[in-house]
Amino acid sequence: NPSDKRSSFLYFYAREMVGIAFSVDGAVHTPTAGPPVIGHFPTGATTLLDPQHTGRLEPTASDTGVVEAALALGLDVVDIEGVHALARGGDATARALLEERATVLGRAVALMADIFNPDHIILGGQAFTDNPSTLPLVAAAIRETSVSPKRDVRVSHSGVTVQQQAAGAVSLDAVYTDPLEALAATA
């Protein structure tokens, strides 16, 4: 949000991978070691997810992780869209899987927010946008887990173009941050 330069933002993305970006005063912070990797972050106990018992966020809450859990529970699916279709069709197990995913992600968002303490949290990726009925569970998990009683949490409305928009934002960050330096680097 270029007009809100004095704020900090935590962008939490979840789909096939789980990741974060943190910006302060309009600039995306990139550590020298590279972007923050959070796929190994602990999930806590799960009931239906994580049939391999990894205890890690990405294998538990990624699209592949949800599909593997669905298969382990005997659901006939080949991809995450199949899990969503079963849930929409009234399958209680598929719905419970997506609800548990929402809770796991909400807890992870809350813990990341407690570490970075951003002014705003943006949730992006189809793990949040493809099943909006689970967003109240994400919000409840954030409230129950975070030490902060109130968090400004927003959901990206990028839909199916979220990857393209994220790539564009990262690519253009250098141009917005220092246009003359970016121009000099391309000359």
Protein backbone atom coordinates (compact mmCIF):
# COMPACT_ATOMS: atom_id res chain seq x y z
CA ASN A 1 0.00 0.00 0.00
CA PRO A 2 2.15 2.91 -1.24
CA SER A 3 -0.01 5.54 0.51
CA ASP A 4 0.64 4.00 3.95
CA LYS A 5 4.42 4.40 4.17
CA ARG A 6 4.61 4.62 7.97
CA SER A 7 3.06 1.22 8.61
CA SER A 8 4.36 -2.30 8.76
CA PHE A 9 2.70 -5.19 6.97
CA LEU A 10 3.00 -8.95 7.40
CA TYR A 11 1.92 -10.77 4.26
CA PHE A 12 1.14 -14.43 4.99
CA TYR A 13 0.72 -16.65 1.94
CA ALA A 14 -0.58 -20.22 1.91
CA ARG A 15 -1.33 -22.56 -0.93
CA GLU A 16 1.13 -25.22 -2.09
CA MET A 17 3.81 -23.48 -0.09
CA VAL A 18 3.59 -21.31 2.99
CA GLY A 19 5.58 -18.10 3.26
CA ILE A 20 5.70 -14.60 4.62
CA ALA A 21 6.92 -11.19 3.61
CA PHE A 22 7.39 -8.26 5.97
CA SER A 23 7.44 -4.61 4.98
CA VAL A 24 8.29 -1.57 7.04
CA ASP A 25 7.83 2.02 5.91
CA GLY A 26 6.88 0.89 2.42
CA ALA A 27 9.92 -1.34 1.82
CA VAL A 28 9.91 -5.12 1.80
CA HIS A 29 12.49 -6.42 4.26
CA THR A 30 14.69 -9.10 2.76
CA PRO A 31 17.20 -10.63 5.17
CA THR A 32 20.72 -11.22 3.87
CA ALA A 33 20.12 -14.96 4.11
CA GLY A 34 17.13 -14.64 1.77
CA PRO A 35 13.38 -14.53 2.24
CA PRO A 36 12.02 -15.93 5.51
CA VAL A 37 11.20 -19.62 5.22
CA ILE A 38 8.45 -20.84 7.54
CA GLY A 39 7.47 -24.24 6.10
CA HIS A 40 9.31 -25.94 8.96
CA PHE A 41 7.35 -23.95 11.57
CA PRO A 42 5.68 -26.27 14.14
CA THR A 43 1.94 -26.77 13.82
CA GLY A 44 1.01 -28.19 17.17
CA ALA A 45 -1.36 -31.13 17.42
CA THR A 46 -3.64 -31.99 14.52
CA THR A 47 -6.46 -34.47 14.31
CA LEU A 48 -7.00 -35.11 10.59
CA LEU A 49 -4.10 -33.36 8.90
CA ASP A 50 -0.45 -34.45 8.77
CA PRO A 51 -0.83 -38.25 8.45
CA GLN A 52 2.98 -38.52 8.34
CA HIS A 53 3.19 -36.73 11.72
CA THR A 54 5.79 -34.22 10.54
CA GLY A 55 4.52 -31.54 12.90
CA ARG A 56 5.62 -28.95 10.33
CA LEU A 57 3.46 -26.24 8.75
CA GLU A 58 4.03 -26.79 5.04
CA PRO A 59 3.57 -30.58 4.94
CA THR A 60 0.48 -30.13 7.11
CA ALA A 61 -1.33 -27.13 5.60
CA SER A 62 -0.16 -27.05 1.97
CA ASP A 63 -2.49 -28.19 -0.81
CA THR A 64 -0.48 -31.40 -1.13
CA GLY A 65 -0.62 -31.94 2.63
CA VAL A 66 -4.40 -31.59 2.67
CA VAL A 67 -4.76 -33.97 -0.29
CA GLU A 68 -2.47 -36.53 1.39
CA ALA A 69 -4.56 -36.30 4.55
CA ALA A 70 -7.75 -36.70 2.51
CA LEU A 71 -6.37 -39.81 0.81
CA ALA A 72 -5.26 -41.23 4.17
CA LEU A 73 -8.84 -40.75 5.38
CA GLY A 74 -10.22 -42.63 2.37
CA LEU A 75 -11.52 -39.70 0.33
CA ASP A 76 -11.44 -40.17 -3.44
CA VAL A 77 -9.58 -37.02 -4.55
CA VAL A 78 -6.63 -36.22 -6.77
CA ASP A 79 -6.13 -32.54 -5.94
CA ILE A 80 -7.20 -29.76 -3.57
CA GLU A 81 -10.09 -28.82 -5.86
CA GLY A 82 -11.49 -32.31 -5.24
CA VAL A 83 -11.37 -31.73 -1.47
CA HIS A 84 -13.15 -28.38 -1.93
CA ALA A 85 -15.78 -30.00 -4.16
CA LEU A 86 -16.47 -32.73 -1.61
CA ALA A 87 -16.75 -30.14 1.18
CA ARG A 88 -19.16 -28.03 -0.88
CA GLY A 89 -21.15 -31.21 -1.59
CA GLY A 90 -21.61 -31.85 2.12
CA ASP A 91 -18.83 -34.35 2.86
CA ALA A 92 -18.18 -33.92 6.58
CA THR A 93 -14.61 -35.28 6.44
CA ALA A 94 -13.55 -32.93 3.63
CA ARG A 95 -15.14 -30.01 5.45
CA ALA A 96 -13.38 -30.97 8.69
CA LEU A 97 -10.02 -31.16 6.88
CA LEU A 98 -10.44 -27.64 5.48
CA GLU A 99 -11.60 -26.36 8.86
CA GLU A 100 -8.57 -27.87 10.60
CA ARG A 101 -6.33 -26.34 7.93
CA ALA A 102 -7.87 -22.94 8.65
CA THR A 103 -7.22 -23.34 12.38
CA VAL A 104 -3.62 -24.47 11.85
CA LEU A 105 -2.97 -21.53 9.51
CA GLY A 106 -4.66 -19.09 11.90
CA ARG A 107 -2.40 -20.21 14.76
CA ALA A 108 0.68 -19.85 12.54
CA VAL A 109 -0.42 -16.37 11.43
CA ALA A 110 -0.88 -15.35 15.07
CA LEU A 111 2.56 -16.59 16.09
CA MET A 112 4.23 -14.84 13.14
CA ALA A 113 2.31 -11.68 14.00
CA ASP A 114 3.47 -11.92 17.60
CA ILE A 115 7.07 -12.17 16.39
CA PHE A 116 6.92 -9.26 13.90
CA ASN A 117 4.14 -7.22 15.58
CA PRO A 118 2.96 -5.62 12.31
CA ASP A 119 0.39 -2.87 12.03
CA HIS A 120 -1.49 -4.88 9.40
CA ILE A 121 -1.69 -8.55 8.39
CA ILE A 122 -2.60 -9.54 4.85
CA LEU A 123 -3.65 -13.14 4.18
CA GLY A 124 -3.06 -14.29 0.63
CA GLY A 125 -3.18 -17.47 -1.34
CA GLN A 126 -5.89 -19.92 -2.19
CA ALA A 127 -5.71 -21.61 1.21
CA PHE A 128 -7.56 -18.52 2.42
CA THR A 129 -9.46 -17.37 -0.68
CA ASP A 130 -10.74 -20.66 -2.14
CA ASN A 131 -12.83 -21.53 0.91
CA PRO A 132 -14.10 -18.28 2.46
CA SER A 133 -16.41 -20.18 4.79
CA THR A 134 -13.34 -21.12 6.88
CA LEU A 135 -12.15 -17.51 7.35
CA PRO A 136 -14.04 -17.18 10.67
CA LEU A 137 -11.99 -20.16 11.92
CA VAL A 138 -8.77 -18.45 10.82
CA ALA A 139 -9.86 -15.30 12.66
CA ALA A 140 -10.80 -17.26 15.79
CA ALA A 141 -7.44 -19.06 15.84
CA ILE A 142 -5.61 -15.74 15.47
CA ARG A 143 -7.59 -14.23 18.36
CA GLU A 144 -7.09 -17.29 20.59
CA THR A 145 -3.36 -17.64 19.85
CA SER A 146 -2.00 -14.09 19.56
CA VAL A 147 -0.91 -12.18 22.64
CA SER A 148 -2.36 -9.05 21.03
CA PRO A 149 -6.09 -8.71 21.67
CA LYS A 150 -6.72 -6.95 18.33
CA ARG A 151 -5.01 -7.52 15.02
CA ASP A 152 -5.84 -5.77 11.77
CA VAL A 153 -6.21 -8.78 9.48
CA ARG A 154 -7.24 -8.44 5.85
CA VAL A 155 -7.70 -11.03 3.13
CA SER A 156 -6.19 -10.38 -0.28
CA HIS A 157 -8.84 -10.25 -2.96
CA SER A 158 -6.40 -11.15 -5.73
CA GLY A 159 -8.10 -14.46 -6.39
CA VAL A 160 -6.54 -16.53 -9.14
CA THR A 161 -4.07 -13.77 -10.10
CA VAL A 162 -2.36 -13.65 -6.68
CA GLN A 163 0.85 -15.26 -7.96
CA GLN A 164 1.15 -12.79 -10.84
CA GLN A 165 0.46 -9.83 -8.57
CA ALA A 166 2.95 -11.03 -5.95
CA ALA A 167 5.65 -11.52 -8.59
CA GLY A 168 4.93 -8.05 -9.96
CA ALA A 169 5.06 -6.48 -6.50
CA VAL A 170 8.39 -8.10 -5.69
CA SER A 171 9.79 -7.17 -9.10
CA LEU A 172 8.66 -3.56 -8.82
CA ASP A 173 9.75 -3.07 -5.20
CA ALA A 174 13.22 -1.91 -6.26
CA VAL A 175 11.71 0.53 -8.77
CA TYR A 176 9.37 2.04 -6.17
CA THR A 177 12.05 2.12 -3.47
CA ASP A 178 14.75 3.83 -5.54
CA PRO A 179 13.76 4.48 -9.17
CA LEU A 180 17.08 6.09 -10.14
CA GLU A 181 19.13 3.21 -8.72
CA ALA A 182 16.86 0.68 -10.47
CA LEU A 183 17.30 2.56 -13.75
CA ALA A 184 21.08 2.68 -13.28
CA ALA A 185 21.15 -1.06 -12.62
CA THR A 186 19.46 -1.78 -15.95
CA ALA A 187 21.59 0.59 -18.03
